[in-house]
Amino acid sequence: MPIAQFTAFYPSRPFWAVSKVNFADQSRVGWFHDQMAEEVFSQETDAYTIKVCRDGRIMLRVEALEDGQGSDDHMQIEETVRRWGEYLDFLNAFYLLLDSATIEIAKISYFNLHEITNRDAFRVRYEGGKCVGENIAFESIASVFQMGRYLWSYRWGVPIESDPQIMMRQIISIDVIKYAANAFAKVVASPGLDKTLASFAKSLSEYKVGNYETSVILSWFITEAAISNLWKTHIDGLNTDLTTGQKRINRERRDFLTGRDFTISLISNLLELWGAIPHAQFQDIDTVRGFRNKIVHGHNFAPGPNEAQLAMKTAQGMIDRLWGLRVTPSMGYSVTGL
């Protein structure tokens, strides 16, 4: 019997995926659990499988991360840590894309996006195409959503359809989920994009709780890496053949052009002068670079929401320029009153 493992999570706010549970017929044993656990969306390729259940559970299997795990205990631990880190990058990327799709397609800002950690994610085991077991994320609100598949977890004496935990759920349409899944296909096919989107999700998550300094730094890392990649691509585009049959830029010259002498400040200036990035984008890059320098070098600089928003906007622009992928983040806060 085929066995498959998935890594799963729940977004921060419960929702109905595609449609809500049918409360009309409650006579069959297990009627509620079976509808909550029903897979209402699935996308499978040779590289990955993603499933979404009616209760909002999102499950991902990346084939490259399900291979062998090493030959000894030490290697197994390191391999497990690596695989968790890579899975979390993919999960955070999908969460960001789902949040963005909800804003773009449904025109609502519903999810309170936060970083998914290994406390929130959990493993799910399938045998013969059916779920046969899962870990419980006891240290996360995800455990509440996991238990929410069972009728006994709700108030006694109150019709289940009238329970506040049920009534608060919004329906996220199949169009939204498909939109996010299609964008995710591009992420899987583009090495490095998963980590970039995960970093952006972390930056956004820090912004939402008022950690503007961390948000600026994380967004700057994205921008800096994108500039470096654009620079290397630009150099490769200039590396034409000479009449002698040699390349215009040999290995030694390329090492010099991509070495320490060429700082991000210098590179961004050159890219703007060559028309590889627009002047307005260059100005934003230069401004955010100044924020980063003031933070790192202890200039008694405390960035606020405007600085963090500019840093994220600049990172968004570089993601679009490098990978042709646009995301629309929700800029609402995730703090309560005091």
C-alpha atoms as a PDB file:
ATOM      1  CA  MET A   1       0.000   0.000   0.000  1.00  0.00           C
ATOM      2  CA  PRO A   2       1.546   3.373  -1.057  1.00  0.00           C
ATOM      3  CA  ILE A   3       2.665   5.540   1.878  1.00  0.00           C
ATOM      4  CA  ALA A   4       3.149   9.312   1.576  1.00  0.00           C
ATOM      5  CA  GLN A   5       4.069  12.018   4.077  1.00  0.00           C
ATOM      6  CA  PHE A   6       2.882  15.621   3.872  1.00  0.00           C
ATOM      7  CA  THR A   7       3.839  18.727   5.840  1.00  0.00           C
ATOM      8  CA  ALA A   8       0.774  20.746   6.812  1.00  0.00           C
ATOM      9  CA  PHE A   9      -0.311  23.992   8.456  1.00  0.00           C
ATOM     10  CA  TYR A  10      -3.366  26.106   9.143  1.00  0.00           C
ATOM     11  CA  PRO A  11      -3.495  29.857   8.427  1.00  0.00           C
ATOM     12  CA  SER A  12      -3.995  32.081  11.462  1.00  0.00           C
ATOM     13  CA  ARG A  13      -7.727  32.562  10.877  1.00  0.00           C
ATOM     14  CA  PRO A  14     -10.077  29.617  10.291  1.00  0.00           C
ATOM     15  CA  PHE A  15     -11.921  29.544   6.987  1.00  0.00           C
ATOM     16  CA  TRP A  16     -14.039  27.347   4.755  1.00  0.00           C
ATOM     17  CA  ALA A  17     -12.137  26.260   1.664  1.00  0.00           C
ATOM     18  CA  VAL A  18     -14.444  26.372  -1.401  1.00  0.00           C
ATOM     19  CA  SER A  19     -17.694  25.833   0.559  1.00  0.00           C
ATOM     20  CA  LYS A  20     -18.879  25.393   4.114  1.00  0.00           C
ATOM     21  CA  VAL A  21     -19.980  22.159   5.752  1.00  0.00           C
ATOM     22  CA  ASN A  22     -23.499  20.979   4.893  1.00  0.00           C
ATOM     23  CA  PHE A  23     -25.316  21.033   8.236  1.00  0.00           C
ATOM     24  CA  ALA A  24     -28.614  19.718   6.823  1.00  0.00           C
ATOM     25  CA  ASP A  25     -27.941  16.000   7.363  1.00  0.00           C
ATOM     26  CA  GLN A  26     -26.395  15.130  10.716  1.00  0.00           C
ATOM     27  CA  SER A  27     -27.675  11.579  11.006  1.00  0.00           C
ATOM     28  CA  ARG A  28     -24.576   9.699   9.879  1.00  0.00           C
ATOM     29  CA  VAL A  29     -21.788   9.005  12.378  1.00  0.00           C
ATOM     30  CA  GLY A  30     -18.723  11.060  11.487  1.00  0.00           C
ATOM     31  CA  TRP A  31     -20.645  13.408   9.211  1.00  0.00           C
ATOM     32  CA  PHE A  32     -18.916  16.515  10.565  1.00  0.00           C
ATOM     33  CA  HIS A  33     -15.335  15.201  10.631  1.00  0.00           C
ATOM     34  CA  ASP A  34     -15.589  13.728   7.144  1.00  0.00           C
ATOM     35  CA  GLN A  35     -16.739  17.017   5.635  1.00  0.00           C
ATOM     36  CA  MET A  36     -14.124  19.048   7.533  1.00  0.00           C
ATOM     37  CA  ALA A  37     -11.357  16.682   6.389  1.00  0.00           C
ATOM     38  CA  GLU A  38     -12.547  16.494   2.786  1.00  0.00           C
ATOM     39  CA  GLU A  39      -9.927  17.504   0.215  1.00  0.00           C
ATOM     40  CA  VAL A  40     -11.583  20.212  -1.864  1.00  0.00           C
ATOM     41  CA  PHE A  41      -8.499  21.117  -3.908  1.00  0.00           C
ATOM     42  CA  SER A  42      -5.487  19.132  -5.058  1.00  0.00           C
ATOM     43  CA  GLN A  43      -2.635  19.919  -7.429  1.00  0.00           C
ATOM     44  CA  GLU A  44      -0.091  17.225  -8.198  1.00  0.00           C
ATOM     45  CA  THR A  45       3.045  17.321 -10.363  1.00  0.00           C
ATOM     46  CA  ASP A  46       6.208  15.253 -10.513  1.00  0.00           C
ATOM     47  CA  ALA A  47       7.853  17.786  -8.189  1.00  0.00           C
ATOM     48  CA  TYR A  48       5.180  18.403  -5.553  1.00  0.00           C
ATOM     49  CA  THR A  49       1.620  17.812  -4.385  1.00  0.00           C
ATOM     50  CA  ILE A  50      -0.521  20.362  -2.587  1.00  0.00           C
ATOM     51  CA  LYS A  51      -3.866  19.613  -0.973  1.00  0.00           C
ATOM     52  CA  VAL A  52      -6.397  21.910   0.696  1.00  0.00           C
ATOM     53  CA  CYS A  53      -9.099  20.556   2.996  1.00  0.00           C
ATOM     54  CA  ARG A  54     -12.489  22.137   3.648  1.00  0.00           C
ATOM     55  CA  ASP A  55     -11.473  23.146   7.187  1.00  0.00           C
ATOM     56  CA  GLY A  56      -8.543  25.204   5.840  1.00  0.00           C
ATOM     57  CA  ARG A  57      -5.746  22.691   6.329  1.00  0.00           C
ATOM     58  CA  ILE A  58      -3.034  23.088   3.693  1.00  0.00           C
ATOM     59  CA  MET A  59      -0.782  20.111   3.024  1.00  0.00           C
ATOM     60  CA  LEU A  60       2.359  20.042   0.915  1.00  0.00           C
ATOM     61  CA  ARG A  61       4.624  17.262  -0.269  1.00  0.00           C
ATOM     62  CA  VAL A  62       7.857  18.154  -2.093  1.00  0.00           C
ATOM     63  CA  GLU A  63       9.363  15.050  -3.650  1.00  0.00           C
ATOM     64  CA  ALA A  64      12.943  16.325  -3.426  1.00  0.00           C
ATOM     65  CA  LEU A  65      12.532  16.708   0.343  1.00  0.00           C
ATOM     66  CA  GLU A  66      11.142  13.208   0.870  1.00  0.00           C
ATOM     67  CA  ASP A  67      14.251  11.308  -0.279  1.00  0.00           C
ATOM     68  CA  GLY A  68      16.833   9.575   1.934  1.00  0.00           C
ATOM     69  CA  GLN A  69      17.920  11.219   5.166  1.00  0.00           C
ATOM     70  CA  GLY A  70      21.549  10.132   5.634  1.00  0.00           C
ATOM     71  CA  SER A  71      23.327   7.101   7.052  1.00  0.00           C
ATOM     72  CA  ASP A  72      24.012   7.929  10.710  1.00  0.00           C
ATOM     73  CA  ASP A  73      22.228   9.640  13.595  1.00  0.00           C
ATOM     74  CA  HIS A  74      24.247  12.856  13.324  1.00  0.00           C
ATOM     75  CA  MET A  75      23.531  13.191   9.625  1.00  0.00           C
ATOM     76  CA  GLN A  76      19.878  12.317  10.211  1.00  0.00           C
ATOM     77  CA  ILE A  77      19.501  15.217  12.670  1.00  0.00           C
ATOM     78  CA  GLU A  78      21.190  17.683  10.311  1.00  0.00           C
ATOM     79  CA  GLU A  79      19.127  16.396   7.407  1.00  0.00           C
ATOM     80  CA  THR A  80      15.899  16.703   9.388  1.00  0.00           C
ATOM     81  CA  VAL A  81      16.722  20.308  10.329  1.00  0.00           C
ATOM     82  CA  ARG A  82      17.523  21.100   6.694  1.00  0.00           C
ATOM     83  CA  ARG A  83      14.339  19.517   5.396  1.00  0.00           C
ATOM     84  CA  TRP A  84      12.198  21.329   7.976  1.00  0.00           C
ATOM     85  CA  GLY A  85      13.819  24.625   7.007  1.00  0.00           C
ATOM     86  CA  GLU A  86      13.130  24.063   3.327  1.00  0.00           C
ATOM     87  CA  TYR A  87       9.569  22.903   3.934  1.00  0.00           C
ATOM     88  CA  LEU A  88       8.902  25.995   6.051  1.00  0.00           C
ATOM     89  CA  ASP A  89      10.167  28.199   3.219  1.00  0.00           C
ATOM     90  CA  PHE A  90       7.645  26.583   0.866  1.00  0.00           C
ATOM     91  CA  LEU A  91       4.810  26.796   3.414  1.00  0.00           C
ATOM     92  CA  ASN A  92       5.477  30.463   4.157  1.00  0.00           C
ATOM     93  CA  ALA A  93       5.662  31.177   0.431  1.00  0.00           C
ATOM     94  CA  PHE A  94       2.282  29.536  -0.169  1.00  0.00           C
ATOM     95  CA  TYR A  95       0.722  31.321   2.816  1.00  0.00           C
ATOM     96  CA  LEU A  96       1.913  34.659   1.416  1.00  0.00           C
ATOM     97  CA  LEU A  97       0.507  33.793  -2.020  1.00  0.00           C
ATOM     98  CA  LEU A  98      -2.841  32.729  -0.519  1.00  0.00           C
ATOM     99  CA  ASP A  99      -3.045  35.975   1.457  1.00  0.00           C
ATOM    100  CA  SER A 100      -2.191  37.932  -1.680  1.00  0.00           C
ATOM    101  CA  ALA A 101      -4.702  35.997  -3.806  1.00  0.00           C
ATOM    102  CA  THR A 102      -7.460  36.645  -1.275  1.00  0.00           C
ATOM    103  CA  ILE A 103      -6.796  40.374  -1.544  1.00  0.00           C
ATOM    104  CA  GLU A 104      -6.492  40.393  -5.342  1.00  0.00           C
ATOM    105  CA  ILE A 105      -9.318  37.990  -6.266  1.00  0.00           C
ATOM    106  CA  ALA A 106     -11.797  38.148  -3.378  1.00  0.00           C
ATOM    107  CA  LYS A 107     -11.025  41.817  -2.629  1.00  0.00           C
ATOM    108  CA  ILE A 108     -10.835  41.176   1.108  1.00  0.00           C
ATOM    109  CA  SER A 109      -7.965  41.182   3.565  1.00  0.00           C
ATOM    110  CA  TYR A 110      -8.906  38.171   5.655  1.00  0.00           C
ATOM    111  CA  PHE A 111      -5.783  36.401   6.870  1.00  0.00           C
ATOM    112  CA  ASN A 112      -3.625  37.773   9.654  1.00  0.00           C
ATOM    113  CA  LEU A 113      -0.382  36.572   8.098  1.00  0.00           C
ATOM    114  CA  HIS A 114       2.320  35.387  10.469  1.00  0.00           C
ATOM    115  CA  GLU A 115       5.483  33.355  10.020  1.00  0.00           C
ATOM    116  CA  ILE A 116       4.887  29.600   9.989  1.00  0.00           C
ATOM    117  CA  THR A 117       7.468  27.866  12.214  1.00  0.00           C
ATOM    118  CA  ASN A 118       8.080  24.219  13.040  1.00  0.00           C
ATOM    119  CA  ARG A 119       5.780  24.739  16.022  1.00  0.00           C
ATOM    120  CA  ASP A 120       2.880  25.532  13.689  1.00  0.00           C
ATOM    121  CA  ALA A 121       3.545  22.935  10.987  1.00  0.00           C
ATOM    122  CA  PHE A 122       2.941  19.216  11.442  1.00  0.00           C
ATOM    123  CA  ARG A 123       3.407  16.011   9.512  1.00  0.00           C
ATOM    124  CA  VAL A 124       0.499  14.027   8.059  1.00  0.00           C
ATOM    125  CA  ARG A 125       0.699  10.392   6.959  1.00  0.00           C
ATOM    126  CA  TYR A 126      -1.242   8.956   4.033  1.00  0.00           C
ATOM    127  CA  GLU A 127      -1.671   5.301   3.165  1.00  0.00           C
ATOM    128  CA  GLY A 128      -3.487   4.212   0.045  1.00  0.00           C
ATOM    129  CA  GLY A 129      -4.542   7.768  -0.624  1.00  0.00           C
ATOM    130  CA  LYS A 130      -6.181   8.218   2.787  1.00  0.00           C
ATOM    131  CA  CYS A 131      -5.026  10.135   5.871  1.00  0.00           C
ATOM    132  CA  VAL A 132      -4.177   7.651   8.612  1.00  0.00           C
ATOM    133  CA  GLY A 133      -2.336   9.803  11.151  1.00  0.00           C
ATOM    134  CA  GLU A 134      -0.791  13.144  12.010  1.00  0.00           C
ATOM    135  CA  ASN A 135       1.354  14.878  14.586  1.00  0.00           C
ATOM    136  CA  ILE A 136      -0.379  17.393  16.847  1.00  0.00           C
ATOM    137  CA  ALA A 137       1.095  20.914  16.936  1.00  0.00           C
ATOM    138  CA  PHE A 138       0.608  21.261  20.698  1.00  0.00           C
ATOM    139  CA  GLU A 139       2.633  24.485  20.960  1.00  0.00           C
ATOM    140  CA  SER A 140       0.551  26.308  18.364  1.00  0.00           C
ATOM    141  CA  ILE A 141      -3.006  27.502  17.729  1.00  0.00           C
ATOM    142  CA  ALA A 142      -2.859  24.954  14.896  1.00  0.00           C
ATOM    143  CA  SER A 143      -3.661  22.252  17.470  1.00  0.00           C
ATOM    144  CA  VAL A 144      -7.017  23.962  18.129  1.00  0.00           C
ATOM    145  CA  PHE A 145      -7.790  23.851  14.404  1.00  0.00           C
ATOM    146  CA  GLN A 146      -6.705  20.212  14.260  1.00  0.00           C
ATOM    147  CA  MET A 147      -9.134  19.353  17.053  1.00  0.00           C
ATOM    148  CA  GLY A 148     -11.775  21.494  15.351  1.00  0.00           C
ATOM    149  CA  ARG A 149     -12.510  18.606  13.005  1.00  0.00           C
ATOM    150  CA  TYR A 150     -14.269  16.792  15.848  1.00  0.00           C
ATOM    151  CA  LEU A 151     -17.719  17.629  17.178  1.00  0.00           C
ATOM    152  CA  TRP A 152     -16.681  17.011  20.782  1.00  0.00           C
ATOM    153  CA  SER A 153     -14.369  20.063  20.654  1.00  0.00           C
ATOM    154  CA  TYR A 154     -17.353  22.451  20.410  1.00  0.00           C
ATOM    155  CA  ARG A 155     -19.849  23.651  23.006  1.00  0.00           C
ATOM    156  CA  TRP A 156     -22.433  21.184  24.203  1.00  0.00           C
ATOM    157  CA  GLY A 157     -26.069  22.265  24.019  1.00  0.00           C
ATOM    158  CA  VAL A 158     -25.453  24.690  21.142  1.00  0.00           C
ATOM    159  CA  PRO A 159     -26.291  23.681  17.556  1.00  0.00           C
ATOM    160  CA  ILE A 160     -22.961  23.227  15.815  1.00  0.00           C
ATOM    161  CA  GLU A 161     -23.913  25.621  13.012  1.00  0.00           C
ATOM    162  CA  SER A 162     -24.513  28.323  15.679  1.00  0.00           C
ATOM    163  CA  ASP A 163     -21.212  27.869  17.467  1.00  0.00           C
ATOM    164  CA  PRO A 164     -19.123  31.095  17.340  1.00  0.00           C
ATOM    165  CA  GLN A 165     -16.086  29.161  16.060  1.00  0.00           C
ATOM    166  CA  ILE A 166     -18.170  27.988  13.105  1.00  0.00           C
ATOM    167  CA  MET A 167     -19.986  31.247  12.422  1.00  0.00           C
ATOM    168  CA  MET A 168     -16.753  33.265  12.279  1.00  0.00           C
ATOM    169  CA  ARG A 169     -15.441  31.339   9.264  1.00  0.00           C
ATOM    170  CA  GLN A 170     -15.346  33.030   5.859  1.00  0.00           C
ATOM    171  CA  ILE A 171     -15.508  31.093   2.605  1.00  0.00           C
ATOM    172  CA  ILE A 172     -12.352  31.316   0.488  1.00  0.00           C
ATOM    173  CA  SER A 173     -13.366  30.471  -3.051  1.00  0.00           C
ATOM    174  CA  ILE A 174     -11.826  27.906  -5.368  1.00  0.00           C
ATOM    175  CA  ASP A 175     -10.754  30.789  -7.639  1.00  0.00           C
ATOM    176  CA  VAL A 176      -8.604  32.248  -4.862  1.00  0.00           C
ATOM    177  CA  ILE A 177      -7.027  28.885  -4.065  1.00  0.00           C
ATOM    178  CA  LYS A 178      -6.326  28.136  -7.733  1.00  0.00           C
ATOM    179  CA  TYR A 179      -4.766  31.559  -8.200  1.00  0.00           C
ATOM    180  CA  ALA A 180      -2.430  30.974  -5.270  1.00  0.00           C
ATOM    181  CA  ALA A 181      -1.634  27.431  -6.429  1.00  0.00           C
ATOM    182  CA  ASN A 182      -0.772  28.591  -9.948  1.00  0.00           C
ATOM    183  CA  ALA A 183       1.619  31.178  -8.544  1.00  0.00           C
ATOM    184  CA  PHE A 184       3.083  28.500  -6.269  1.00  0.00           C
ATOM    185  CA  ALA A 185       3.852  26.338  -9.306  1.00  0.00           C
ATOM    186  CA  LYS A 186       6.150  29.121 -10.474  1.00  0.00           C
ATOM    187  CA  VAL A 187       7.811  29.187  -7.053  1.00  0.00           C
ATOM    188  CA  VAL A 188       8.632  25.480  -7.180  1.00  0.00           C
ATOM    189  CA  ALA A 189       9.994  25.866 -10.716  1.00  0.00           C
ATOM    190  CA  SER A 190      12.214  28.835  -9.768  1.00  0.00           C
ATOM    191  CA  PRO A 191      15.116  27.902  -7.458  1.00  0.00           C
ATOM    192  CA  GLY A 192      15.560  30.480  -4.722  1.00  0.00           C
ATOM    193  CA  LEU A 193      12.120  32.046  -5.099  1.00  0.00           C
ATOM    194  CA  ASP A 194      10.722  29.995  -2.207  1.00  0.00           C
ATOM    195  CA  LYS A 195      13.325  31.392   0.207  1.00  0.00           C
ATOM    196  CA  THR A 196      12.820  34.905  -1.130  1.00  0.00           C
ATOM    197  CA  LEU A 197       9.043  34.818  -0.614  1.00  0.00           C
ATOM    198  CA  ALA A 198       9.503  33.214   2.805  1.00  0.00           C
ATOM    199  CA  SER A 199      11.823  36.077   3.772  1.00  0.00           C
ATOM    200  CA  PHE A 200       9.249  38.573   2.531  1.00  0.00           C
ATOM    201  CA  ALA A 201       6.547  36.829   4.579  1.00  0.00           C
ATOM    202  CA  LYS A 202       8.790  37.077   7.645  1.00  0.00           C
ATOM    203  CA  SER A 203       9.434  40.773   6.953  1.00  0.00           C
ATOM    204  CA  LEU A 204       5.701  41.390   6.647  1.00  0.00           C
ATOM    205  CA  SER A 205       5.033  39.376   9.795  1.00  0.00           C
ATOM    206  CA  GLU A 206       7.536  41.499  11.764  1.00  0.00           C
ATOM    207  CA  TYR A 207       6.004  44.696  10.380  1.00  0.00           C
ATOM    208  CA  LYS A 208       2.562  43.616  11.562  1.00  0.00           C
ATOM    209  CA  VAL A 209       3.719  43.418  15.183  1.00  0.00           C
ATOM    210  CA  GLY A 210       5.701  46.667  15.051  1.00  0.00           C
ATOM    211  CA  ASN A 211       9.211  45.193  14.710  1.00  0.00           C
ATOM    212  CA  TYR A 212      10.103  47.689  12.004  1.00  0.00           C
ATOM    213  CA  GLU A 213      13.865  47.329  12.330  1.00  0.00           C
ATOM    214  CA  THR A 214      13.754  43.574  11.684  1.00  0.00           C
ATOM    215  CA  SER A 215      11.271  44.104   8.867  1.00  0.00           C
ATOM    216  CA  VAL A 216      13.588  46.600   7.136  1.00  0.00           C
ATOM    217  CA  ILE A 217      16.619  44.299   7.434  1.00  0.00           C
ATOM    218  CA  LEU A 218      14.768  41.244   6.095  1.00  0.00           C
ATOM    219  CA  SER A 219      13.400  43.224   3.141  1.00  0.00           C
ATOM    220  CA  TRP A 220      16.857  44.664   2.454  1.00  0.00           C
ATOM    221  CA  PHE A 221      18.318  41.156   2.269  1.00  0.00           C
ATOM    222  CA  ILE A 222      15.825  40.404  -0.521  1.00  0.00           C
ATOM    223  CA  THR A 223      16.684  43.593  -2.399  1.00  0.00           C
ATOM    224  CA  GLU A 224      20.429  43.097  -1.990  1.00  0.00           C
ATOM    225  CA  ALA A 225      20.304  39.510  -3.267  1.00  0.00           C
ATOM    226  CA  ALA A 226      18.134  40.539  -6.218  1.00  0.00           C
ATOM    227  CA  ILE A 227      20.552  43.326  -7.205  1.00  0.00           C
ATOM    228  CA  SER A 228      23.430  40.867  -7.072  1.00  0.00           C
ATOM    229  CA  ASN A 229      21.535  38.438  -9.309  1.00  0.00           C
ATOM    230  CA  LEU A 230      20.604  41.202 -11.772  1.00  0.00           C
ATOM    231  CA  TRP A 231      24.255  42.279 -11.898  1.00  0.00           C
ATOM    232  CA  LYS A 232      25.460  38.764 -12.712  1.00  0.00           C
ATOM    233  CA  THR A 233      22.793  38.406 -15.376  1.00  0.00           C
ATOM    234  CA  HIS A 234      23.788  41.753 -16.862  1.00  0.00           C
ATOM    235  CA  ILE A 235      27.459  40.754 -16.944  1.00  0.00           C
ATOM    236  CA  ASP A 236      26.581  37.476 -18.637  1.00  0.00           C
ATOM    237  CA  GLY A 237      24.634  39.431 -21.244  1.00  0.00           C
ATOM    238  CA  LEU A 238      27.745  41.515 -22.009  1.00  0.00           C
ATOM    239  CA  ASN A 239      29.968  38.462 -22.310  1.00  0.00           C
ATOM    240  CA  THR A 240      30.046  38.260 -26.083  1.00  0.00           C
ATOM    241  CA  ASP A 241      32.589  36.479 -28.282  1.00  0.00           C
ATOM    242  CA  LEU A 242      35.581  38.467 -29.521  1.00  0.00           C
ATOM    243  CA  THR A 243      37.009  38.173 -33.023  1.00  0.00           C
ATOM    244  CA  THR A 244      39.813  36.089 -31.534  1.00  0.00           C
ATOM    245  CA  GLY A 245      37.291  33.455 -30.487  1.00  0.00           C
ATOM    246  CA  GLN A 246      37.692  34.280 -26.805  1.00  0.00           C
ATOM    247  CA  LYS A 247      35.018  35.517 -24.460  1.00  0.00           C
ATOM    248  CA  ARG A 248      34.925  39.221 -23.637  1.00  0.00           C
ATOM    249  CA  ILE A 249      34.735  38.441 -19.910  1.00  0.00           C
ATOM    250  CA  ASN A 250      36.972  35.591 -18.825  1.00  0.00           C
ATOM    251  CA  ARG A 251      36.758  33.887 -15.439  1.00  0.00           C
ATOM    252  CA  GLU A 252      39.286  36.186 -13.771  1.00  0.00           C
ATOM    253  CA  ARG A 253      37.507  39.287 -15.014  1.00  0.00           C
ATOM    254  CA  ARG A 254      34.115  37.951 -13.905  1.00  0.00           C
ATOM    255  CA  ASP A 255      35.503  37.200 -10.442  1.00  0.00           C
ATOM    256  CA  PHE A 256      36.715  40.815 -10.241  1.00  0.00           C
ATOM    257  CA  LEU A 257      33.371  42.247 -11.434  1.00  0.00           C
ATOM    258  CA  THR A 258      31.472  40.209  -8.854  1.00  0.00           C
ATOM    259  CA  GLY A 259      34.015  40.586  -6.035  1.00  0.00           C
ATOM    260  CA  ARG A 260      34.257  42.819  -2.997  1.00  0.00           C
ATOM    261  CA  ASP A 261      35.388  45.872  -4.943  1.00  0.00           C
ATOM    262  CA  PHE A 262      31.911  46.097  -6.466  1.00  0.00           C
ATOM    263  CA  THR A 263      29.637  47.064  -3.577  1.00  0.00           C
ATOM    264  CA  ILE A 264      25.858  46.991  -3.772  1.00  0.00           C
ATOM    265  CA  SER A 265      25.906  50.800  -3.882  1.00  0.00           C
ATOM    266  CA  LEU A 266      28.218  50.787  -6.894  1.00  0.00           C
ATOM    267  CA  ILE A 267      26.346  47.951  -8.613  1.00  0.00           C
ATOM    268  CA  SER A 268      22.934  49.604  -8.210  1.00  0.00           C
ATOM    269  CA  ASN A 269      24.351  52.856  -9.623  1.00  0.00           C
ATOM    270  CA  LEU A 270      25.777  51.039 -12.650  1.00  0.00           C
ATOM    271  CA  LEU A 271      22.546  49.104 -13.248  1.00  0.00           C
ATOM    272  CA  GLU A 272      20.574  52.355 -13.218  1.00  0.00           C
ATOM    273  CA  LEU A 273      23.036  54.067 -15.587  1.00  0.00           C
ATOM    274  CA  TRP A 274      22.777  51.134 -18.017  1.00  0.00           C
ATOM    275  CA  GLY A 275      18.969  51.220 -17.812  1.00  0.00           C
ATOM    276  CA  ALA A 276      18.708  47.803 -16.141  1.00  0.00           C
ATOM    277  CA  ILE A 277      16.616  49.322 -13.335  1.00  0.00           C
ATOM    278  CA  PRO A 278      14.444  52.476 -13.506  1.00  0.00           C
ATOM    279  CA  HIS A 279      15.689  55.622 -11.803  1.00  0.00           C
ATOM    280  CA  ALA A 280      12.760  55.691  -9.349  1.00  0.00           C
ATOM    281  CA  GLN A 281      13.516  52.137  -8.277  1.00  0.00           C
ATOM    282  CA  PHE A 282      17.189  53.010  -7.884  1.00  0.00           C
ATOM    283  CA  GLN A 283      16.256  55.912  -5.599  1.00  0.00           C
ATOM    284  CA  ASP A 284      14.167  53.597  -3.405  1.00  0.00           C
ATOM    285  CA  ILE A 285      17.011  51.067  -3.277  1.00  0.00           C
ATOM    286  CA  ASP A 286      19.461  53.760  -2.259  1.00  0.00           C
ATOM    287  CA  THR A 287      17.115  55.076   0.436  1.00  0.00           C
ATOM    288  CA  VAL A 288      16.511  51.633   1.928  1.00  0.00           C
ATOM    289  CA  ARG A 289      20.246  50.903   1.800  1.00  0.00           C
ATOM    290  CA  GLY A 290      20.693  54.012   3.923  1.00  0.00           C
ATOM    291  CA  PHE A 291      18.145  52.676   6.450  1.00  0.00           C
ATOM    292  CA  ARG A 292      20.032  49.394   6.624  1.00  0.00           C
ATOM    293  CA  ASN A 293      23.386  51.110   7.163  1.00  0.00           C
ATOM    294  CA  LYS A 294      22.021  53.304   9.947  1.00  0.00           C
ATOM    295  CA  ILE A 295      20.555  50.251  11.711  1.00  0.00           C
ATOM    296  CA  VAL A 296      23.651  48.068  11.361  1.00  0.00           C
ATOM    297  CA  HIS A 297      26.192  50.768  12.253  1.00  0.00           C
ATOM    298  CA  GLY A 298      24.338  52.001  15.329  1.00  0.00           C
ATOM    299  CA  HIS A 299      23.473  55.533  14.218  1.00  0.00           C
ATOM    300  CA  ASN A 300      20.714  55.823  16.842  1.00  0.00           C
ATOM    301  CA  PHE A 301      18.174  55.336  14.069  1.00  0.00           C
ATOM    302  CA  ALA A 302      14.735  53.881  14.844  1.00  0.00           C
ATOM    303  CA  PRO A 303      12.812  53.047  11.664  1.00  0.00           C
ATOM    304  CA  GLY A 304       9.053  53.459  11.733  1.00  0.00           C
ATOM    305  CA  PRO A 305       6.185  52.092   9.647  1.00  0.00           C
ATOM    306  CA  ASN A 306       6.961  54.349   6.682  1.00  0.00           C
ATOM    307  CA  GLU A 307      10.547  53.086   6.451  1.00  0.00           C
ATOM    308  CA  ALA A 308       9.435  49.455   6.757  1.00  0.00           C
ATOM    309  CA  GLN A 309       6.750  49.953   4.108  1.00  0.00           C
ATOM    310  CA  LEU A 310       9.290  51.451   1.697  1.00  0.00           C
ATOM    311  CA  ALA A 311      11.689  48.566   2.352  1.00  0.00           C
ATOM    312  CA  MET A 312       8.942  46.021   1.605  1.00  0.00           C
ATOM    313  CA  LYS A 313       7.754  47.934  -1.451  1.00  0.00           C
ATOM    314  CA  THR A 314      11.321  47.958  -2.788  1.00  0.00           C
ATOM    315  CA  ALA A 315      11.711  44.227  -2.131  1.00  0.00           C
ATOM    316  CA  GLN A 316       8.381  43.606  -3.910  1.00  0.00           C
ATOM    317  CA  GLY A 317       9.623  45.520  -6.930  1.00  0.00           C
ATOM    318  CA  MET A 318      12.835  43.499  -7.075  1.00  0.00           C
ATOM    319  CA  ILE A 319      10.916  40.206  -6.815  1.00  0.00           C
ATOM    320  CA  ASP A 320       8.728  41.304  -9.717  1.00  0.00           C
ATOM    321  CA  ARG A 321      11.748  42.420 -11.768  1.00  0.00           C
ATOM    322  CA  LEU A 322      13.760  39.262 -11.150  1.00  0.00           C
ATOM    323  CA  TRP A 323      11.037  36.605 -11.237  1.00  0.00           C
ATOM    324  CA  GLY A 324       8.015  38.329 -12.756  1.00  0.00           C
ATOM    325  CA  LEU A 325       5.895  37.544  -9.691  1.00  0.00           C
ATOM    326  CA  ARG A 326       3.766  40.154  -7.955  1.00  0.00           C
ATOM    327  CA  VAL A 327       2.393  39.851  -4.445  1.00  0.00           C
ATOM    328  CA  THR A 328      -0.117  42.100  -2.724  1.00  0.00           C
ATOM    329  CA  PRO A 329       0.524  42.061   1.025  1.00  0.00           C
ATOM    330  CA  SER A 330      -1.970  42.987   3.705  1.00  0.00           C
ATOM    331  CA  MET A 331      -0.451  45.865   5.689  1.00  0.00           C
ATOM    332  CA  GLY A 332      -2.794  45.617   8.686  1.00  0.00           C
ATOM    333  CA  TYR A 333      -1.343  45.228  12.155  1.00  0.00           C
ATOM    334  CA  SER A 334      -1.464  42.116  14.363  1.00  0.00           C
ATOM    335  CA  VAL A 335      -1.540  43.772  17.784  1.00  0.00           C
ATOM    336  CA  THR A 336      -4.301  44.172  20.324  1.00  0.00           C
ATOM    337  CA  GLY A 337      -5.141  47.156  22.497  1.00  0.00           C
ATOM    338  CA  LEU A 338      -3.493  47.708  25.863  1.00  0.00           C
END
